[in-house]
Amino acid sequence: MLDAKSIDVISRFKLALLVRAQQPARPSDLPRYNRGNKLPSAESNPHALSPKVVEYGGSHHLVLTNEVVERTNYRNKRRWRDFHRSQRPGDAALADEGLGSDLQSGDLQSDASDDDSSEENPLKRMRLGELLAPLAHPAELASHPAISKTYRLASLAVLAAEIIGTIETEQNTLNHYNKLLQVLDGEDWFYQLEENMGLPLYDHGLDDTPPAASPEHGEDRPVAEPEEFENKRITRAAGQPDGAGAGEVTDPFFALPKSLEIYERLQQRQLQEAAEEDDEYGALQQELINYLQVSIQRQNEYIKNLTTIRNGLVKADRYKRDLLRWGKEMGERK
């Protein structure tokens, strides 16, 4: 023998089959979509009619109803119950146990179903008419509930600032590629840096304040005159053409740094080692140079594209702020 739960499941299944059998067919010419569900569907509309099977007179009947009709029926039942209570005071307890409990449970179910439907369908709480309404005047740009948020956001400015950081990172990578390519080509920049040239300290004569002479060294002034004369003689000898003092000592300011000689010797040694070694190392070096050249070219194109994108974002953000400002000015004038 079946229990109450099984009988309930079977009865609901029969009711669903009866509703499907008596429900009219959907016209094939009507579309099944709702343009991205921008508007509430017929099922979410409380005034939309839906089929329902009711039992009356010992047979099942298919009727059309909606939430408004169901609530009205519950109210009518409540009024009918109150009317019977006023007409038959002795049957109040029976009414409370029978019809009252049914109506109360029905009210609770209807309230629960209303709450569930409102929670399941957020479109009921949305003001779609205001959100989807077009602009009637440019002054509404600053006060429209949906469009004004787009013009007040700072997303474009944030993206432009983030792209600047990306461009700086890619530029540093490009600099490392170029330095590595110089090393592979034999152009080591280490000996060309100022701190590695070994240049002597040179007095440019920019400080015009003479040193304070002490009483103990008061007679040192005449001794400095031959030194100044010797410096002038060296400078003049450096300015003479070849053959006239070319082998003499020149001014350290005009002399070439010693690091250049080291750099030239290093290049000559690298050329000799490359000629003595086998062709496998040379082919590998040339292949790496080719890859570096392709990487440098693509890195330049990537930085150029990022710069173009950032310029477009900045321009769009400027246009957006200008439109919002013009809309506010028009609204104030109105």
C-alpha atoms as a PDB file:
ATOM      1  CA  MET A   1       0.000   0.000   0.000  1.00  0.00           C
ATOM      2  CA  LEU A   2       1.318   3.435  -0.925  1.00  0.00           C
ATOM      3  CA  ASP A   3       2.060   6.047   1.691  1.00  0.00           C
ATOM      4  CA  ALA A   4       0.859   9.643   1.655  1.00  0.00           C
ATOM      5  CA  LYS A   5       4.077  10.976   0.083  1.00  0.00           C
ATOM      6  CA  SER A   6       3.903   8.565  -2.849  1.00  0.00           C
ATOM      7  CA  ILE A   7       0.249   9.381  -3.460  1.00  0.00           C
ATOM      8  CA  ASP A   8       1.092  13.097  -3.448  1.00  0.00           C
ATOM      9  CA  VAL A   9       3.864  12.589  -6.011  1.00  0.00           C
ATOM     10  CA  ILE A  10       1.592  10.546  -8.272  1.00  0.00           C
ATOM     11  CA  SER A  11      -1.208  13.108  -8.075  1.00  0.00           C
ATOM     12  CA  ARG A  12       1.135  15.965  -8.938  1.00  0.00           C
ATOM     13  CA  PHE A  13       2.521  13.976 -11.845  1.00  0.00           C
ATOM     14  CA  LYS A  14      -0.990  13.352 -13.197  1.00  0.00           C
ATOM     15  CA  LEU A  15      -1.823  17.035 -12.772  1.00  0.00           C
ATOM     16  CA  ALA A  16       1.288  18.046 -14.730  1.00  0.00           C
ATOM     17  CA  LEU A  17       0.404  15.662 -17.548  1.00  0.00           C
ATOM     18  CA  LEU A  18      -3.139  17.022 -17.648  1.00  0.00           C
ATOM     19  CA  VAL A  19      -1.894  20.629 -17.794  1.00  0.00           C
ATOM     20  CA  ARG A  20       0.499  19.778 -20.616  1.00  0.00           C
ATOM     21  CA  ALA A  21      -2.228  17.988 -22.542  1.00  0.00           C
ATOM     22  CA  GLN A  22      -4.753  20.818 -22.230  1.00  0.00           C
ATOM     23  CA  GLN A  23      -2.252  23.689 -22.662  1.00  0.00           C
ATOM     24  CA  PRO A  24      -2.552  25.335 -26.089  1.00  0.00           C
ATOM     25  CA  ALA A  25       0.367  24.970 -28.488  1.00  0.00           C
ATOM     26  CA  ARG A  26       2.800  27.869 -28.860  1.00  0.00           C
ATOM     27  CA  PRO A  27       2.661  29.590 -32.259  1.00  0.00           C
ATOM     28  CA  SER A  28       5.716  28.798 -34.333  1.00  0.00           C
ATOM     29  CA  ASP A  29       6.025  32.340 -35.702  1.00  0.00           C
ATOM     30  CA  LEU A  30       6.701  33.873 -32.265  1.00  0.00           C
ATOM     31  CA  PRO A  31      10.371  34.193 -31.257  1.00  0.00           C
ATOM     32  CA  ARG A  32      11.588  32.251 -28.257  1.00  0.00           C
ATOM     33  CA  TYR A  33      14.109  34.836 -27.103  1.00  0.00           C
ATOM     34  CA  ASN A  34      13.601  38.190 -25.401  1.00  0.00           C
ATOM     35  CA  ARG A  35      16.617  40.198 -26.636  1.00  0.00           C
ATOM     36  CA  GLY A  36      18.892  39.346 -23.774  1.00  0.00           C
ATOM     37  CA  ASN A  37      16.083  39.369 -21.188  1.00  0.00           C
ATOM     38  CA  LYS A  38      16.135  43.165 -21.045  1.00  0.00           C
ATOM     39  CA  LEU A  39      12.398  43.233 -20.355  1.00  0.00           C
ATOM     40  CA  PRO A  40      10.499  40.989 -17.934  1.00  0.00           C
ATOM     41  CA  SER A  41       9.128  37.842 -19.522  1.00  0.00           C
ATOM     42  CA  ALA A  42       5.521  36.788 -19.479  1.00  0.00           C
ATOM     43  CA  GLU A  43       6.184  34.289 -16.692  1.00  0.00           C
ATOM     44  CA  SER A  44       7.542  37.003 -14.381  1.00  0.00           C
ATOM     45  CA  ASN A  45       4.617  39.345 -15.006  1.00  0.00           C
ATOM     46  CA  PRO A  46       2.047  38.999 -12.168  1.00  0.00           C
ATOM     47  CA  HIS A  47      -0.786  39.902 -14.578  1.00  0.00           C
ATOM     48  CA  ALA A  48       0.122  37.222 -17.128  1.00  0.00           C
ATOM     49  CA  LEU A  49      -2.405  34.401 -17.313  1.00  0.00           C
ATOM     50  CA  SER A  50      -1.263  30.843 -16.828  1.00  0.00           C
ATOM     51  CA  PRO A  51      -3.276  27.605 -17.145  1.00  0.00           C
ATOM     52  CA  LYS A  52      -4.310  25.752 -14.024  1.00  0.00           C
ATOM     53  CA  VAL A  53      -6.328  22.573 -13.507  1.00  0.00           C
ATOM     54  CA  VAL A  54      -8.995  22.730 -10.803  1.00  0.00           C
ATOM     55  CA  GLU A  55     -11.437  20.088  -9.611  1.00  0.00           C
ATOM     56  CA  TYR A  56     -15.093  21.092  -9.642  1.00  0.00           C
ATOM     57  CA  GLY A  57     -18.154  18.919  -9.638  1.00  0.00           C
ATOM     58  CA  GLY A  58     -16.140  15.695  -9.637  1.00  0.00           C
ATOM     59  CA  SER A  59     -14.203  16.509 -12.830  1.00  0.00           C
ATOM     60  CA  HIS A  60     -11.063  18.435 -13.761  1.00  0.00           C
ATOM     61  CA  HIS A  61     -11.316  21.758 -15.552  1.00  0.00           C
ATOM     62  CA  LEU A  62      -8.598  23.894 -17.148  1.00  0.00           C
ATOM     63  CA  VAL A  63      -8.829  27.570 -16.161  1.00  0.00           C
ATOM     64  CA  LEU A  64      -6.608  30.613 -16.692  1.00  0.00           C
ATOM     65  CA  THR A  65      -5.428  32.432 -13.606  1.00  0.00           C
ATOM     66  CA  ASN A  66      -2.624  34.666 -12.339  1.00  0.00           C
ATOM     67  CA  GLU A  67      -1.241  35.934  -9.052  1.00  0.00           C
ATOM     68  CA  VAL A  68      -3.723  38.780  -8.824  1.00  0.00           C
ATOM     69  CA  VAL A  69      -6.690  36.435  -9.262  1.00  0.00           C
ATOM     70  CA  GLU A  70      -5.324  34.012  -6.672  1.00  0.00           C
ATOM     71  CA  ARG A  71      -4.899  36.758  -4.102  1.00  0.00           C
ATOM     72  CA  THR A  72      -8.417  37.994  -4.813  1.00  0.00           C
ATOM     73  CA  ASN A  73      -9.776  34.494  -4.287  1.00  0.00           C
ATOM     74  CA  TYR A  74      -8.006  34.214  -0.934  1.00  0.00           C
ATOM     75  CA  ARG A  75      -9.437  37.554   0.144  1.00  0.00           C
ATOM     76  CA  ASN A  76     -12.933  36.473  -0.902  1.00  0.00           C
ATOM     77  CA  LYS A  77     -12.567  33.255   1.070  1.00  0.00           C
ATOM     78  CA  ARG A  78     -11.473  35.214   4.125  1.00  0.00           C
ATOM     79  CA  ARG A  79     -14.473  37.537   3.813  1.00  0.00           C
ATOM     80  CA  TRP A  80     -16.801  34.551   3.347  1.00  0.00           C
ATOM     81  CA  ARG A  81     -15.354  32.993   6.492  1.00  0.00           C
ATOM     82  CA  ASP A  82     -15.906  36.209   8.469  1.00  0.00           C
ATOM     83  CA  PHE A  83     -19.451  36.401   7.131  1.00  0.00           C
ATOM     84  CA  HIS A  84     -20.195  32.833   8.291  1.00  0.00           C
ATOM     85  CA  ARG A  85     -18.756  33.608  11.713  1.00  0.00           C
ATOM     86  CA  SER A  86     -21.077  36.569  12.109  1.00  0.00           C
ATOM     87  CA  GLN A  87     -24.112  34.545  10.931  1.00  0.00           C
ATOM     88  CA  ARG A  88     -23.286  31.363  12.930  1.00  0.00           C
ATOM     89  CA  PRO A  89     -21.515  32.145  16.184  1.00  0.00           C
ATOM     90  CA  GLY A  90     -21.725  28.512  17.323  1.00  0.00           C
ATOM     91  CA  ASP A  91     -19.748  27.259  14.342  1.00  0.00           C
ATOM     92  CA  ALA A  92     -16.790  29.549  14.898  1.00  0.00           C
ATOM     93  CA  ALA A  93     -14.635  26.755  16.272  1.00  0.00           C
ATOM     94  CA  LEU A  94     -15.436  24.528  13.303  1.00  0.00           C
ATOM     95  CA  ALA A  95     -14.664  27.316  10.909  1.00  0.00           C
ATOM     96  CA  ASP A  96     -11.411  28.015  12.655  1.00  0.00           C
ATOM     97  CA  GLU A  97     -10.360  24.363  12.442  1.00  0.00           C
ATOM     98  CA  GLY A  98     -11.512  23.755   8.873  1.00  0.00           C
ATOM     99  CA  LEU A  99     -11.717  26.663   6.529  1.00  0.00           C
ATOM    100  CA  GLY A 100      -9.606  28.951   8.673  1.00  0.00           C
ATOM    101  CA  SER A 101      -6.629  26.615   8.710  1.00  0.00           C
ATOM    102  CA  ASP A 102      -6.879  26.064   4.965  1.00  0.00           C
ATOM    103  CA  LEU A 103      -7.074  29.761   4.244  1.00  0.00           C
ATOM    104  CA  GLN A 104      -4.244  30.538   6.615  1.00  0.00           C
ATOM    105  CA  SER A 105      -2.041  27.893   5.042  1.00  0.00           C
ATOM    106  CA  GLY A 106      -3.017  29.191   1.609  1.00  0.00           C
ATOM    107  CA  ASP A 107      -2.119  32.743   2.619  1.00  0.00           C
ATOM    108  CA  LEU A 108       1.222  31.605   3.948  1.00  0.00           C
ATOM    109  CA  GLN A 109       1.914  29.666   0.787  1.00  0.00           C
ATOM    110  CA  SER A 110       0.962  32.628  -1.379  1.00  0.00           C
ATOM    111  CA  ASP A 111       3.165  34.976   0.651  1.00  0.00           C
ATOM    112  CA  ALA A 112       6.034  32.508   0.498  1.00  0.00           C
ATOM    113  CA  SER A 113       5.571  32.067  -3.243  1.00  0.00           C
ATOM    114  CA  ASP A 114       5.520  35.848  -3.695  1.00  0.00           C
ATOM    115  CA  ASP A 115       8.740  36.196  -1.716  1.00  0.00           C
ATOM    116  CA  ASP A 116      10.388  33.379  -3.648  1.00  0.00           C
ATOM    117  CA  SER A 117       9.326  34.809  -6.983  1.00  0.00           C
ATOM    118  CA  SER A 118      10.589  38.263  -6.024  1.00  0.00           C
ATOM    119  CA  GLU A 119      13.914  36.801  -4.905  1.00  0.00           C
ATOM    120  CA  GLU A 120      14.277  34.634  -8.001  1.00  0.00           C
ATOM    121  CA  ASN A 121      13.413  37.407 -10.440  1.00  0.00           C
ATOM    122  CA  PRO A 122      15.391  40.602  -9.723  1.00  0.00           C
ATOM    123  CA  LEU A 123      13.773  42.359 -12.696  1.00  0.00           C
ATOM    124  CA  LYS A 124      10.693  43.036 -10.567  1.00  0.00           C
ATOM    125  CA  ARG A 125      12.703  45.392  -8.368  1.00  0.00           C
ATOM    126  CA  MET A 126      14.412  47.152 -11.276  1.00  0.00           C
ATOM    127  CA  ARG A 127      13.165  50.351 -12.845  1.00  0.00           C
ATOM    128  CA  LEU A 128      13.653  49.245 -16.408  1.00  0.00           C
ATOM    129  CA  GLY A 129      11.650  52.126 -17.797  1.00  0.00           C
ATOM    130  CA  GLU A 130      14.082  54.666 -16.346  1.00  0.00           C
ATOM    131  CA  LEU A 131      17.219  52.663 -17.046  1.00  0.00           C
ATOM    132  CA  LEU A 132      16.434  51.959 -20.710  1.00  0.00           C
ATOM    133  CA  ALA A 133      14.924  55.350 -21.469  1.00  0.00           C
ATOM    134  CA  PRO A 134      16.858  57.274 -24.171  1.00  0.00           C
ATOM    135  CA  LEU A 135      18.199  60.778 -23.691  1.00  0.00           C
ATOM    136  CA  ALA A 136      15.731  63.479 -24.658  1.00  0.00           C
ATOM    137  CA  HIS A 137      18.227  66.327 -24.167  1.00  0.00           C
ATOM    138  CA  PRO A 138      22.021  66.526 -23.670  1.00  0.00           C
ATOM    139  CA  ALA A 139      21.382  68.059 -20.242  1.00  0.00           C
ATOM    140  CA  GLU A 140      20.088  64.659 -19.046  1.00  0.00           C
ATOM    141  CA  LEU A 141      23.562  63.192 -19.516  1.00  0.00           C
ATOM    142  CA  ALA A 142      24.599  64.198 -15.993  1.00  0.00           C
ATOM    143  CA  SER A 143      21.349  63.077 -14.323  1.00  0.00           C
ATOM    144  CA  HIS A 144      20.442  59.848 -16.159  1.00  0.00           C
ATOM    145  CA  PRO A 145      20.531  56.919 -13.674  1.00  0.00           C
ATOM    146  CA  ALA A 146      22.337  54.550 -16.058  1.00  0.00           C
ATOM    147  CA  ILE A 147      24.204  56.638 -18.649  1.00  0.00           C
ATOM    148  CA  SER A 148      25.657  59.121 -16.150  1.00  0.00           C
ATOM    149  CA  LYS A 149      27.556  56.318 -14.366  1.00  0.00           C
ATOM    150  CA  THR A 150      29.445  55.543 -17.554  1.00  0.00           C
ATOM    151  CA  TYR A 151      30.613  59.138 -17.870  1.00  0.00           C
ATOM    152  CA  ARG A 152      31.557  59.440 -14.192  1.00  0.00           C
ATOM    153  CA  LEU A 153      33.739  56.344 -14.054  1.00  0.00           C
ATOM    154  CA  ALA A 154      37.530  56.740 -14.057  1.00  0.00           C
ATOM    155  CA  SER A 155      38.232  53.411 -15.758  1.00  0.00           C
ATOM    156  CA  LEU A 156      39.864  54.922 -18.848  1.00  0.00           C
ATOM    157  CA  ALA A 157      42.243  57.058 -16.784  1.00  0.00           C
ATOM    158  CA  VAL A 158      43.229  54.044 -14.664  1.00  0.00           C
ATOM    159  CA  LEU A 159      43.881  51.943 -17.780  1.00  0.00           C
ATOM    160  CA  ALA A 160      46.016  54.706 -19.304  1.00  0.00           C
ATOM    161  CA  ALA A 161      48.099  54.898 -16.109  1.00  0.00           C
ATOM    162  CA  GLU A 162      48.567  51.116 -16.054  1.00  0.00           C
ATOM    163  CA  ILE A 163      49.689  51.123 -19.691  1.00  0.00           C
ATOM    164  CA  ILE A 164      52.407  53.650 -18.794  1.00  0.00           C
ATOM    165  CA  GLY A 165      53.870  51.141 -16.328  1.00  0.00           C
ATOM    166  CA  THR A 166      53.712  48.416 -18.969  1.00  0.00           C
ATOM    167  CA  ILE A 167      55.496  50.638 -21.499  1.00  0.00           C
ATOM    168  CA  GLU A 168      58.275  51.400 -18.997  1.00  0.00           C
ATOM    169  CA  THR A 169      58.778  47.697 -18.300  1.00  0.00           C
ATOM    170  CA  GLU A 170      58.920  46.834 -22.002  1.00  0.00           C
ATOM    171  CA  GLN A 171      61.335  49.718 -22.629  1.00  0.00           C
ATOM    172  CA  ASN A 172      63.700  48.373 -19.952  1.00  0.00           C
ATOM    173  CA  THR A 173      63.524  44.958 -21.608  1.00  0.00           C
ATOM    174  CA  LEU A 174      64.359  46.565 -24.958  1.00  0.00           C
ATOM    175  CA  ASN A 175      67.386  48.289 -23.406  1.00  0.00           C
ATOM    176  CA  HIS A 176      68.663  44.950 -22.092  1.00  0.00           C
ATOM    177  CA  TYR A 177      68.237  43.422 -25.557  1.00  0.00           C
ATOM    178  CA  ASN A 178      70.272  46.237 -27.116  1.00  0.00           C
ATOM    179  CA  LYS A 179      73.057  45.905 -24.540  1.00  0.00           C
ATOM    180  CA  LEU A 180      73.249  42.147 -25.088  1.00  0.00           C
ATOM    181  CA  LEU A 181      73.400  42.688 -28.838  1.00  0.00           C
ATOM    182  CA  GLN A 182      76.289  45.129 -28.398  1.00  0.00           C
ATOM    183  CA  VAL A 183      78.193  42.574 -26.342  1.00  0.00           C
ATOM    184  CA  LEU A 184      77.666  39.867 -28.979  1.00  0.00           C
ATOM    185  CA  ASP A 185      78.814  42.262 -31.693  1.00  0.00           C
ATOM    186  CA  GLY A 186      82.050  42.933 -29.763  1.00  0.00           C
ATOM    187  CA  GLU A 187      81.139  46.437 -28.596  1.00  0.00           C
ATOM    188  CA  ASP A 188      81.663  46.203 -24.849  1.00  0.00           C
ATOM    189  CA  TRP A 189      80.667  49.481 -23.253  1.00  0.00           C
ATOM    190  CA  PHE A 190      82.336  48.751 -19.912  1.00  0.00           C
ATOM    191  CA  TYR A 191      85.562  50.577 -20.773  1.00  0.00           C
ATOM    192  CA  GLN A 192      83.660  53.531 -22.219  1.00  0.00           C
ATOM    193  CA  LEU A 193      81.938  54.475 -18.982  1.00  0.00           C
ATOM    194  CA  GLU A 194      83.261  57.531 -17.185  1.00  0.00           C
ATOM    195  CA  GLU A 195      84.034  55.744 -13.931  1.00  0.00           C
ATOM    196  CA  ASN A 196      86.097  53.110 -15.797  1.00  0.00           C
ATOM    197  CA  MET A 197      88.169  55.416 -18.027  1.00  0.00           C
ATOM    198  CA  GLY A 198      90.683  56.304 -15.339  1.00  0.00           C
ATOM    199  CA  LEU A 199      90.667  60.002 -16.175  1.00  0.00           C
ATOM    200  CA  PRO A 200      92.868  62.196 -13.954  1.00  0.00           C
ATOM    201  CA  LEU A 201      91.388  65.004 -11.971  1.00  0.00           C
ATOM    202  CA  TYR A 202      91.551  68.234 -13.926  1.00  0.00           C
ATOM    203  CA  ASP A 203      91.161  71.757 -12.571  1.00  0.00           C
ATOM    204  CA  HIS A 204      88.875  73.644 -14.961  1.00  0.00           C
ATOM    205  CA  GLY A 205      89.545  76.952 -13.213  1.00  0.00           C
ATOM    206  CA  LEU A 206      85.917  77.519 -12.338  1.00  0.00           C
ATOM    207  CA  ASP A 207      86.731  78.481  -8.747  1.00  0.00           C
ATOM    208  CA  ASP A 208      87.962  82.110  -8.853  1.00  0.00           C
ATOM    209  CA  THR A 209      88.515  82.476  -5.104  1.00  0.00           C
ATOM    210  CA  PRO A 210      92.283  82.404  -4.431  1.00  0.00           C
ATOM    211  CA  PRO A 211      93.459  80.272  -1.501  1.00  0.00           C
ATOM    212  CA  ALA A 212      94.223  82.144   1.696  1.00  0.00           C
ATOM    213  CA  ALA A 213      98.001  82.571   2.113  1.00  0.00           C
ATOM    214  CA  SER A 214      99.371  81.815   5.548  1.00  0.00           C
ATOM    215  CA  PRO A 215     102.348  83.697   7.047  1.00  0.00           C
ATOM    216  CA  GLU A 216     104.470  80.547   6.925  1.00  0.00           C
ATOM    217  CA  HIS A 217     103.987  80.129   3.152  1.00  0.00           C
ATOM    218  CA  GLY A 218     103.981  83.740   2.203  1.00  0.00           C
ATOM    219  CA  GLU A 219     106.936  83.293  -0.145  1.00  0.00           C
ATOM    220  CA  ASP A 220     105.350  80.462  -2.219  1.00  0.00           C
ATOM    221  CA  ARG A 221     103.837  82.817  -4.795  1.00  0.00           C
ATOM    222  CA  PRO A 222     106.937  83.311  -7.012  1.00  0.00           C
ATOM    223  CA  VAL A 223     107.445  79.536  -7.167  1.00  0.00           C
ATOM    224  CA  ALA A 224     104.053  78.977  -8.874  1.00  0.00           C
ATOM    225  CA  GLU A 225     104.930  81.202 -11.850  1.00  0.00           C
ATOM    226  CA  PRO A 226     107.238  78.661 -13.562  1.00  0.00           C
ATOM    227  CA  GLU A 227     104.541  75.969 -13.190  1.00  0.00           C
ATOM    228  CA  GLU A 228     101.954  78.144 -14.929  1.00  0.00           C
ATOM    229  CA  PHE A 229     104.451  78.889 -17.682  1.00  0.00           C
ATOM    230  CA  GLU A 230     105.155  75.162 -18.094  1.00  0.00           C
ATOM    231  CA  ASN A 231     101.400  74.388 -18.423  1.00  0.00           C
ATOM    232  CA  LYS A 232     101.023  77.056 -21.103  1.00  0.00           C
ATOM    233  CA  ARG A 233     104.002  75.639 -22.964  1.00  0.00           C
ATOM    234  CA  ILE A 234     102.489  72.129 -22.886  1.00  0.00           C
ATOM    235  CA  THR A 235      99.156  73.433 -24.165  1.00  0.00           C
ATOM    236  CA  ARG A 236     100.814  75.272 -27.040  1.00  0.00           C
ATOM    237  CA  ALA A 237     102.831  72.189 -27.905  1.00  0.00           C
ATOM    238  CA  ALA A 238      99.622  70.135 -28.061  1.00  0.00           C
ATOM    239  CA  GLY A 239      98.113  72.619 -30.487  1.00  0.00           C
ATOM    240  CA  GLN A 240     101.057  72.510 -32.889  1.00  0.00           C
ATOM    241  CA  PRO A 241     100.886  70.344 -36.060  1.00  0.00           C
ATOM    242  CA  ASP A 242     102.518  66.938 -36.365  1.00  0.00           C
ATOM    243  CA  GLY A 243     106.262  66.971 -36.346  1.00  0.00           C
ATOM    244  CA  ALA A 244     106.493  69.931 -34.006  1.00  0.00           C
ATOM    245  CA  GLY A 245     106.313  68.509 -30.508  1.00  0.00           C
ATOM    246  CA  ALA A 246     104.222  65.452 -31.392  1.00  0.00           C
ATOM    247  CA  GLY A 247     106.261  63.206 -29.107  1.00  0.00           C
ATOM    248  CA  GLU A 248     106.275  65.625 -26.201  1.00  0.00           C
ATOM    249  CA  VAL A 249     103.966  65.445 -23.153  1.00  0.00           C
ATOM    250  CA  THR A 250     100.500  66.858 -23.894  1.00  0.00           C
ATOM    251  CA  ASP A 251      97.820  68.368 -21.687  1.00  0.00           C
ATOM    252  CA  PRO A 252      95.912  65.638 -19.755  1.00  0.00           C
ATOM    253  CA  PHE A 253      92.641  67.357 -20.587  1.00  0.00           C
ATOM    254  CA  PHE A 254      93.195  66.784 -24.338  1.00  0.00           C
ATOM    255  CA  ALA A 255      94.909  63.412 -24.064  1.00  0.00           C
ATOM    256  CA  LEU A 256      92.985  60.233 -24.893  1.00  0.00           C
ATOM    257  CA  PRO A 257      92.092  58.054 -21.891  1.00  0.00           C
ATOM    258  CA  LYS A 258      94.076  54.888 -21.312  1.00  0.00           C
ATOM    259  CA  SER A 259      90.882  52.825 -21.263  1.00  0.00           C
ATOM    260  CA  LEU A 260      90.557  53.220 -25.039  1.00  0.00           C
ATOM    261  CA  GLU A 261      93.844  51.396 -25.531  1.00  0.00           C
ATOM    262  CA  ILE A 262      92.571  48.595 -23.290  1.00  0.00           C
ATOM    263  CA  TYR A 263      89.330  48.520 -25.276  1.00  0.00           C
ATOM    264  CA  GLU A 264      91.179  48.259 -28.601  1.00  0.00           C
ATOM    265  CA  ARG A 265      93.404  45.463 -27.319  1.00  0.00           C
ATOM    266  CA  LEU A 266      90.332  43.595 -26.045  1.00  0.00           C
ATOM    267  CA  GLN A 267      88.656  43.829 -29.444  1.00  0.00           C
ATOM    268  CA  GLN A 268      91.761  42.576 -31.235  1.00  0.00           C
ATOM    269  CA  ARG A 269      92.047  39.653 -28.846  1.00  0.00           C
ATOM    270  CA  GLN A 270      88.373  38.745 -29.395  1.00  0.00           C
ATOM    271  CA  LEU A 271      88.879  38.788 -33.160  1.00  0.00           C
ATOM    272  CA  GLN A 272      91.915  36.529 -32.876  1.00  0.00           C
ATOM    273  CA  GLU A 273      90.084  34.083 -30.610  1.00  0.00           C
ATOM    274  CA  ALA A 274      87.085  34.001 -32.955  1.00  0.00           C
ATOM    275  CA  ALA A 275      89.367  33.216 -35.903  1.00  0.00           C
ATOM    276  CA  GLU A 276      91.118  30.403 -34.034  1.00  0.00           C
ATOM    277  CA  GLU A 277      87.932  28.740 -32.734  1.00  0.00           C
ATOM    278  CA  ASP A 278      85.762  26.423 -34.778  1.00  0.00           C
ATOM    279  CA  ASP A 279      82.741  27.478 -36.827  1.00  0.00           C
ATOM    280  CA  GLU A 280      80.198  25.996 -34.396  1.00  0.00           C
ATOM    281  CA  TYR A 281      80.625  28.790 -31.863  1.00  0.00           C
ATOM    282  CA  GLY A 282      80.439  31.414 -34.595  1.00  0.00           C
ATOM    283  CA  ALA A 283      77.254  29.935 -36.032  1.00  0.00           C
ATOM    284  CA  LEU A 284      75.670  29.835 -32.575  1.00  0.00           C
ATOM    285  CA  GLN A 285      76.623  33.444 -31.940  1.00  0.00           C
ATOM    286  CA  GLN A 286      75.232  34.546 -35.294  1.00  0.00           C
ATOM    287  CA  GLU A 287      71.963  32.682 -34.658  1.00  0.00           C
ATOM    288  CA  LEU A 288      71.608  34.368 -31.273  1.00  0.00           C
ATOM    289  CA  ILE A 289      72.255  37.751 -32.883  1.00  0.00           C
ATOM    290  CA  ASN A 290      69.505  37.084 -35.428  1.00  0.00           C
ATOM    291  CA  TYR A 291      67.050  36.150 -32.686  1.00  0.00           C
ATOM    292  CA  LEU A 292      67.953  39.286 -30.767  1.00  0.00           C
ATOM    293  CA  GLN A 293      67.386  41.470 -33.809  1.00  0.00           C
ATOM    294  CA  VAL A 294      63.934  39.947 -34.356  1.00  0.00           C
ATOM    295  CA  SER A 295      63.114  40.388 -30.652  1.00  0.00           C
ATOM    296  CA  ILE A 296      64.198  44.017 -30.747  1.00  0.00           C
ATOM    297  CA  GLN A 297      62.040  44.655 -33.808  1.00  0.00           C
ATOM    298  CA  ARG A 298      58.975  43.065 -32.215  1.00  0.00           C
ATOM    299  CA  GLN A 299      59.637  44.877 -28.951  1.00  0.00           C
ATOM    300  CA  ASN A 300      59.680  48.205 -30.780  1.00  0.00           C
ATOM    301  CA  GLU A 301      56.397  47.364 -32.508  1.00  0.00           C
ATOM    302  CA  TYR A 302      54.824  46.298 -29.203  1.00  0.00           C
ATOM    303  CA  ILE A 303      55.840  49.539 -27.495  1.00  0.00           C
ATOM    304  CA  LYS A 304      54.526  51.517 -30.459  1.00  0.00           C
ATOM    305  CA  ASN A 305      51.160  49.705 -30.303  1.00  0.00           C
ATOM    306  CA  LEU A 306      50.911  50.241 -26.544  1.00  0.00           C
ATOM    307  CA  THR A 307      51.581  53.936 -27.044  1.00  0.00           C
ATOM    308  CA  THR A 308      48.853  54.125 -29.701  1.00  0.00           C
ATOM    309  CA  ILE A 309      46.367  52.370 -27.398  1.00  0.00           C
ATOM    310  CA  ARG A 310      47.206  54.693 -24.520  1.00  0.00           C
ATOM    311  CA  ASN A 311      46.772  57.757 -26.719  1.00  0.00           C
ATOM    312  CA  GLY A 312      43.339  56.471 -27.757  1.00  0.00           C
ATOM    313  CA  LEU A 313      42.320  55.885 -24.133  1.00  0.00           C
ATOM    314  CA  VAL A 314      43.451  59.359 -23.129  1.00  0.00           C
ATOM    315  CA  LYS A 315      41.548  60.905 -26.030  1.00  0.00           C
ATOM    316  CA  ALA A 316      38.374  58.940 -25.204  1.00  0.00           C
ATOM    317  CA  ASP A 317      38.633  59.937 -21.539  1.00  0.00           C
ATOM    318  CA  ARG A 318      39.029  63.589 -22.529  1.00  0.00           C
ATOM    319  CA  TYR A 319      35.979  63.434 -24.816  1.00  0.00           C
ATOM    320  CA  LYS A 320      33.975  61.749 -22.061  1.00  0.00           C
ATOM    321  CA  ARG A 321      34.852  64.429 -19.500  1.00  0.00           C
ATOM    322  CA  ASP A 322      34.074  67.182 -21.990  1.00  0.00           C
ATOM    323  CA  LEU A 323      30.643  65.710 -22.755  1.00  0.00           C
ATOM    324  CA  LEU A 324      29.830  65.389 -19.053  1.00  0.00           C
ATOM    325  CA  ARG A 325      30.905  68.977 -18.415  1.00  0.00           C
ATOM    326  CA  TRP A 326      28.806  70.265 -21.323  1.00  0.00           C
ATOM    327  CA  GLY A 327      25.792  68.310 -20.069  1.00  0.00           C
ATOM    328  CA  LYS A 328      26.165  69.840 -16.606  1.00  0.00           C
ATOM    329  CA  GLU A 329      26.450  73.331 -18.073  1.00  0.00           C
ATOM    330  CA  MET A 330      23.310  72.812 -20.170  1.00  0.00           C
ATOM    331  CA  GLY A 331      21.451  71.519 -17.128  1.00  0.00           C
ATOM    332  CA  GLU A 332      22.435  74.575 -15.092  1.00  0.00           C
ATOM    333  CA  ARG A 333      21.301  76.920 -17.853  1.00  0.00           C
ATOM    334  CA  LYS A 334      17.915  75.232 -18.059  1.00  0.00           C
END
